[in-house]
Amino acid sequence: RSADMRDDDSEQDIYSRVYNADRPEIFFKATPARCVGPNGFVGIRSDSILTATEPELAYVLGEDGEIVGYTLCNDVSAWDIERDNPLYLPQSKVFYGCCALGPMFVTASEIDDPYNLNIKCTVIRNDKPIYEGGVNTSQINWKFEELTEFLCRDNPVPVGTVVSTGTGIIVPNDLPLAPGDIVEIEADGLGKLSNPVKQL
């Protein structure tokens, strides 16, 4: 689904090709200082007019790449910057308040099937929902163990690394995030992650 959004104005079908490739798209998202928890502000870049939420299931790595638990991720992204040029991906993805995690960490043993979780997203503006969407994690393209293998190949990562698995909920282009919005992301057994939005 995210390939559909990203190809909207991008050159050729670069994202469709990577979606169907033999290697997953993996990129660095944020350092802890750029992340927030429940009720923390997520940001809109000062040079973006189309910033959107990307609700995602995330997993946490332990020793030797073991998946030890799950949480929710609000991957905030400046779509207009990425669409200008795919090489601007880091700028569209990495900035203050670009990632929210929470509201809880659930151990892997507590999740019966991570590929069968319903994720819901609501964007609230002026106390009214302006967008509601949902997806089931069965639509995730890559198994988590495969993502981890590619991530850790010749690249040691620290214990506690959070891997977000991509979004299947695409907010319409005419509903970019605005200061004062509240983004709510919830999933079976993982609670509700709520974050207000502010202009950077």
Protein backbone atom coordinates (compact mmCIF):
# COMPACT_ATOMS: atom_id res chain seq x y z
CA ARG A 1 0.00 0.00 0.00
CA SER A 2 2.79 2.44 0.78
CA ALA A 3 4.21 1.80 -2.71
CA ASP A 4 0.92 3.07 -4.15
CA MET A 5 1.23 6.31 -2.19
CA ARG A 6 4.85 6.85 -3.00
CA ASP A 7 4.52 6.17 -6.73
CA ASP A 8 1.76 8.77 -7.03
CA ASP A 9 4.16 11.49 -8.09
CA SER A 10 7.50 9.67 -8.10
CA GLU A 11 9.46 8.95 -11.23
CA GLN A 12 8.57 5.65 -12.90
CA ASP A 13 7.64 2.78 -10.61
CA ILE A 14 10.72 2.72 -8.40
CA TYR A 15 8.77 1.86 -5.26
CA SER A 16 6.67 -0.80 -6.93
CA ARG A 17 9.88 -2.42 -8.12
CA VAL A 18 11.43 -2.47 -4.67
CA TYR A 19 8.18 -3.79 -3.17
CA ASN A 20 8.40 -6.82 -5.46
CA ALA A 21 12.18 -7.21 -5.30
CA ASP A 22 14.28 -9.93 -3.71
CA ARG A 23 15.65 -7.49 -1.15
CA PRO A 24 13.44 -5.47 1.23
CA GLU A 25 13.62 -1.72 1.58
CA ILE A 26 15.33 -1.06 4.92
CA PHE A 27 16.35 2.38 6.12
CA PHE A 28 17.39 4.13 9.31
CA LYS A 29 14.49 6.01 10.88
CA ALA A 30 15.44 7.74 14.10
CA THR A 31 17.65 8.02 17.14
CA PRO A 32 16.01 7.96 20.59
CA ALA A 33 16.18 11.77 20.83
CA ARG A 34 13.99 12.04 17.73
CA CYS A 35 11.38 9.61 19.08
CA VAL A 36 8.51 10.24 21.46
CA GLY A 37 6.25 8.03 23.52
CA PRO A 38 2.52 8.15 24.24
CA ASN A 39 1.14 11.71 24.26
CA GLY A 40 4.42 13.16 23.03
CA PHE A 41 4.34 15.63 20.16
CA VAL A 42 5.07 14.39 16.64
CA GLY A 43 6.35 17.01 14.21
CA ILE A 44 5.65 18.59 10.85
CA ARG A 45 8.83 19.74 9.12
CA SER A 46 9.00 23.46 8.43
CA ASP A 47 9.76 22.72 4.76
CA SER A 48 6.92 20.23 4.19
CA ILE A 49 3.32 20.86 3.18
CA LEU A 50 2.35 17.18 2.98
CA THR A 51 3.32 15.33 6.15
CA ALA A 52 1.41 12.18 6.99
CA THR A 53 1.15 9.47 9.60
CA GLU A 54 2.11 5.91 8.68
CA PRO A 55 0.69 3.55 11.34
CA GLU A 56 2.81 0.44 11.72
CA LEU A 57 3.42 -2.65 13.81
CA ALA A 58 6.96 -2.65 15.19
CA TYR A 59 9.03 -5.37 16.81
CA VAL A 60 11.96 -5.21 19.21
CA LEU A 61 15.18 -7.19 18.83
CA GLY A 62 17.02 -8.96 21.62
CA GLU A 63 20.24 -10.96 21.54
CA ASP A 64 21.23 -12.50 18.20
CA GLY A 65 18.32 -10.90 16.35
CA GLU A 66 15.65 -12.63 18.38
CA ILE A 67 12.25 -10.93 18.28
CA VAL A 68 11.41 -10.31 21.92
CA GLY A 69 8.30 -8.18 21.67
CA TYR A 70 6.00 -5.83 19.80
CA THR A 71 4.74 -2.27 19.99
CA LEU A 72 3.03 0.32 17.77
CA CYS A 73 4.81 2.92 15.65
CA ASN A 74 3.65 6.23 14.23
CA ASP A 75 6.10 6.70 11.36
CA VAL A 76 5.64 10.38 10.52
CA SER A 77 6.84 11.15 7.01
CA ALA A 78 7.12 14.22 4.78
CA TRP A 79 5.66 12.72 1.63
CA ASP A 80 6.17 15.79 -0.55
CA ILE A 81 9.91 15.82 0.12
CA GLU A 82 10.26 12.13 -0.71
CA ARG A 83 8.21 12.53 -3.88
CA ASP A 84 10.44 15.36 -5.09
CA ASN A 85 13.29 12.87 -5.30
CA PRO A 86 13.57 9.36 -3.79
CA LEU A 87 17.11 10.26 -2.67
CA TYR A 88 15.50 12.70 -0.24
CA LEU A 89 14.10 9.75 1.72
CA PRO A 90 16.31 10.40 4.79
CA GLN A 91 15.16 14.02 4.96
CA SER A 92 11.53 12.98 4.64
CA LYS A 93 11.88 10.39 7.39
CA VAL A 94 14.38 11.72 9.94
CA PHE A 95 13.60 14.85 11.96
CA TYR A 96 12.55 15.81 15.46
CA GLY A 97 9.33 14.05 16.44
CA CYS A 98 9.36 11.84 13.35
CA CYS A 99 8.54 8.67 15.29
CA ALA A 100 6.25 7.76 18.15
CA LEU A 101 6.37 4.37 19.88
CA GLY A 102 4.09 2.74 22.42
CA PRO A 103 1.94 2.78 24.41
CA MET A 104 3.30 -0.53 25.68
CA PHE A 105 5.81 -3.25 24.98
CA VAL A 106 4.20 -6.67 24.69
CA THR A 107 6.43 -9.74 24.82
CA ALA A 108 6.47 -12.01 21.81
CA SER A 109 4.95 -14.87 23.80
CA GLU A 110 1.86 -12.75 24.45
CA ILE A 111 1.07 -12.27 20.75
CA ASP A 112 -0.42 -15.43 19.28
CA ASP A 113 -0.04 -14.39 15.64
CA PRO A 114 1.65 -11.10 14.74
CA TYR A 115 0.49 -11.61 11.14
CA ASN A 116 -3.17 -11.41 12.16
CA LEU A 117 -3.53 -8.15 14.07
CA ASN A 118 -6.02 -5.43 13.20
CA ILE A 119 -4.46 -1.97 13.21
CA LYS A 120 -6.68 1.11 13.24
CA CYS A 121 -5.74 4.74 12.74
CA THR A 122 -7.81 7.82 13.54
CA VAL A 123 -6.78 11.42 12.88
CA ILE A 124 -8.72 13.90 15.02
CA ARG A 125 -9.00 17.61 14.21
CA ASN A 126 -10.96 20.08 16.32
CA ASP A 127 -12.33 17.19 18.40
CA LYS A 128 -13.75 15.41 15.32
CA PRO A 129 -12.31 12.46 13.38
CA ILE A 130 -11.31 13.54 9.88
CA TYR A 131 -9.83 10.19 8.91
CA GLU A 132 -10.30 6.58 9.99
CA GLY A 133 -8.56 3.63 8.40
CA GLY A 134 -7.58 0.09 9.19
CA VAL A 135 -5.53 -2.84 7.99
CA ASN A 136 -4.68 -6.37 9.05
CA THR A 137 -1.02 -7.32 9.44
CA SER A 138 -1.60 -10.30 7.15
CA GLN A 139 -0.87 -7.82 4.35
CA ILE A 140 2.74 -7.33 5.46
CA ASN A 141 4.97 -8.26 2.54
CA TRP A 142 8.01 -9.66 4.37
CA LYS A 143 8.25 -12.03 7.30
CA PHE A 144 9.90 -10.37 10.28
CA GLU A 145 12.70 -12.93 10.41
CA GLU A 146 13.54 -12.10 6.79
CA LEU A 147 13.64 -8.38 7.53
CA THR A 148 15.88 -9.03 10.52
CA GLU A 149 18.25 -11.18 8.49
CA PHE A 150 18.72 -8.43 5.92
CA LEU A 151 19.05 -5.76 8.61
CA CYS A 152 21.72 -7.65 10.54
CA ARG A 153 23.67 -8.97 7.57
CA ASP A 154 27.22 -7.61 8.01
CA ASN A 155 25.64 -4.96 10.22
CA PRO A 156 25.54 -5.61 13.98
CA VAL A 157 22.62 -3.81 15.62
CA PRO A 158 22.24 -3.16 19.34
CA VAL A 159 19.87 -5.04 21.61
CA GLY A 160 16.66 -3.07 21.86
CA THR A 161 16.61 -2.02 18.22
CA VAL A 162 13.05 -1.34 17.08
CA VAL A 163 12.11 -2.44 13.57
CA SER A 164 8.94 -0.96 12.11
CA THR A 165 7.32 -3.10 9.45
CA GLY A 166 5.75 -0.64 7.01
CA THR A 167 2.28 0.75 6.68
CA GLY A 168 -0.86 -0.47 4.97
CA ILE A 169 -2.93 2.56 5.96
CA ILE A 170 -2.61 5.45 3.51
CA VAL A 171 -4.16 8.77 4.49
CA PRO A 172 -5.51 10.72 1.47
CA ASN A 173 -3.28 13.44 0.03
CA ASP A 174 -5.89 16.09 0.82
CA LEU A 175 -5.65 15.32 4.55
CA PRO A 176 -2.05 16.12 5.53
CA LEU A 177 -1.33 16.45 9.22
CA ALA A 178 -1.90 19.90 10.70
CA PRO A 179 -0.79 21.47 13.98
CA GLY A 180 -3.20 20.55 16.74
CA ASP A 181 -4.25 17.24 15.19
CA ILE A 182 -4.22 14.11 17.33
CA VAL A 183 -3.18 10.80 15.79
CA GLU A 184 -4.48 7.62 17.42
CA ILE A 185 -3.13 4.20 16.44
CA GLU A 186 -4.45 1.05 18.07
CA ALA A 187 -4.14 -2.69 17.60
CA ASP A 188 -5.29 -5.93 19.16
CA GLY A 189 -3.47 -6.43 22.45
CA LEU A 190 -1.15 -3.47 21.95
CA GLY A 191 -3.29 -0.62 23.26
CA LYS A 192 -3.76 2.83 21.75
CA LEU A 193 -0.90 5.17 20.87
CA SER A 194 -2.05 8.80 20.92
CA ASN A 195 0.09 11.75 19.83
CA PRO A 196 -0.64 15.44 19.24
CA VAL A 197 0.90 17.14 16.21
CA LYS A 198 2.93 20.35 16.19
CA GLN A 199 4.66 22.49 13.60
CA LEU A 200 8.45 22.47 13.84
